[in-house]
Amino acid sequence: MSEQKIHESLQGLRQELSRLQGDDQQIRERVNGLIAEVEQELREQEHQHRNPSLMESINNTIEQYKVEHPGVTGILNQIMMSLGNMGV
């Protein structure tokens, strides 16, 4: 997946978050933080900066919310796989 596709997935993730119920503030905050980290990683990719904890954070979020929020975790999984394929 190209960088453009990752940006499209991030937009889809934002849309998925907007559909969550009001009591899901914790996942909104966590995923919005991950979105910011992914965007930062993509900006810094040309400088060979790597954030090894980013993939771990995404994976932990997937594991924590995969049952309750399959739409969110499905998109996160796509993003994680794409970043891995890009060498991030």
Protein backbone atom coordinates (compact mmCIF):
# COMPACT_ATOMS: atom_id res chain seq x y z
CA MET A 1 0.00 0.00 0.00
CA SER A 2 1.36 3.36 -0.95
CA GLU A 3 1.60 6.35 1.33
CA GLN A 4 -1.49 7.79 -0.38
CA LYS A 5 -3.45 4.63 0.44
CA ILE A 6 -2.37 4.90 4.08
CA HIS A 7 -3.66 8.48 4.16
CA GLU A 8 -6.95 7.25 2.69
CA SER A 9 -7.11 4.52 5.35
CA LEU A 10 -6.48 7.12 8.04
CA GLN A 11 -9.41 9.14 6.69
CA GLY A 12 -11.57 6.02 6.78
CA LEU A 13 -10.46 5.43 10.35
CA ARG A 14 -11.52 8.97 11.29
CA GLN A 15 -14.92 8.32 9.75
CA GLU A 16 -15.25 5.05 11.64
CA LEU A 17 -14.39 6.84 14.90
CA SER A 18 -17.04 9.47 14.24
CA ARG A 19 -19.68 6.72 14.18
CA LEU A 20 -18.80 5.40 17.63
CA GLN A 21 -21.20 5.95 20.50
CA GLY A 22 -20.54 8.69 23.05
CA ASP A 23 -19.25 6.28 25.69
CA ASP A 24 -16.32 5.25 23.52
CA GLN A 25 -14.16 8.27 24.34
CA GLN A 26 -11.22 6.11 25.41
CA ILE A 27 -10.86 4.41 22.04
CA ARG A 28 -11.34 7.73 20.23
CA GLU A 29 -8.48 9.28 22.18
CA ARG A 30 -6.22 6.26 21.76
CA VAL A 31 -6.85 5.90 18.03
CA ASN A 32 -6.57 9.63 17.38
CA GLY A 33 -3.17 9.46 19.08
CA LEU A 34 -2.18 6.58 16.80
CA ILE A 35 -3.36 8.52 13.76
CA ALA A 36 -1.12 11.42 14.78
CA GLU A 37 1.81 9.04 15.27
CA VAL A 38 1.30 7.41 11.85
CA GLU A 39 1.10 10.81 10.16
CA GLN A 40 4.28 11.90 11.95
CA GLU A 41 6.03 8.69 10.90
CA LEU A 42 5.04 9.24 7.28
CA ARG A 43 6.34 12.83 7.39
CA GLU A 44 9.64 11.70 8.88
CA GLN A 45 10.04 8.62 6.71
CA GLU A 46 12.21 10.48 4.23
CA HIS A 47 14.59 11.31 7.08
CA GLN A 48 14.96 7.62 7.95
CA HIS A 49 13.42 8.19 11.38
CA ARG A 50 11.80 5.05 12.75
CA ASN A 51 9.47 4.73 15.68
CA PRO A 52 9.63 1.06 16.71
CA SER A 53 6.96 1.51 19.34
CA LEU A 54 4.39 2.66 16.75
CA MET A 55 3.79 -0.85 15.39
CA GLU A 56 3.56 -2.21 18.91
CA SER A 57 1.05 0.49 19.88
CA ILE A 58 -1.11 -0.25 16.85
CA ASN A 59 -0.98 -3.99 17.53
CA ASN A 60 -1.89 -3.49 21.21
CA THR A 61 -4.86 -1.33 20.23
CA ILE A 62 -6.04 -3.97 17.75
CA GLU A 63 -5.84 -6.66 20.41
CA GLN A 64 -7.67 -4.56 23.00
CA TYR A 65 -10.57 -3.46 20.80
CA LYS A 66 -10.92 -6.17 18.11
CA VAL A 67 -14.14 -7.61 19.54
CA GLU A 68 -15.90 -4.36 20.46
CA HIS A 69 -14.80 -2.29 17.45
CA PRO A 70 -14.02 -4.56 14.48
CA GLY A 71 -14.30 -1.72 11.94
CA VAL A 72 -11.68 0.36 13.71
CA THR A 73 -9.34 -2.56 14.28
CA GLY A 74 -9.72 -3.80 10.70
CA ILE A 75 -8.52 -0.46 9.34
CA LEU A 76 -5.71 -0.32 11.92
CA ASN A 77 -4.61 -3.78 10.82
CA GLN A 78 -4.46 -2.63 7.17
CA ILE A 79 -2.42 0.41 8.17
CA MET A 80 -0.04 -1.68 10.28
CA MET A 81 0.54 -4.14 7.44
CA SER A 82 1.10 -1.32 4.97
CA LEU A 83 3.59 0.45 7.21
CA GLY A 84 5.43 -2.85 7.64
CA ASN A 85 5.56 -3.32 3.89
CA MET A 86 7.01 0.19 3.58
CA GLY A 87 9.73 -0.72 6.06
CA VAL A 88 8.42 1.44 8.88
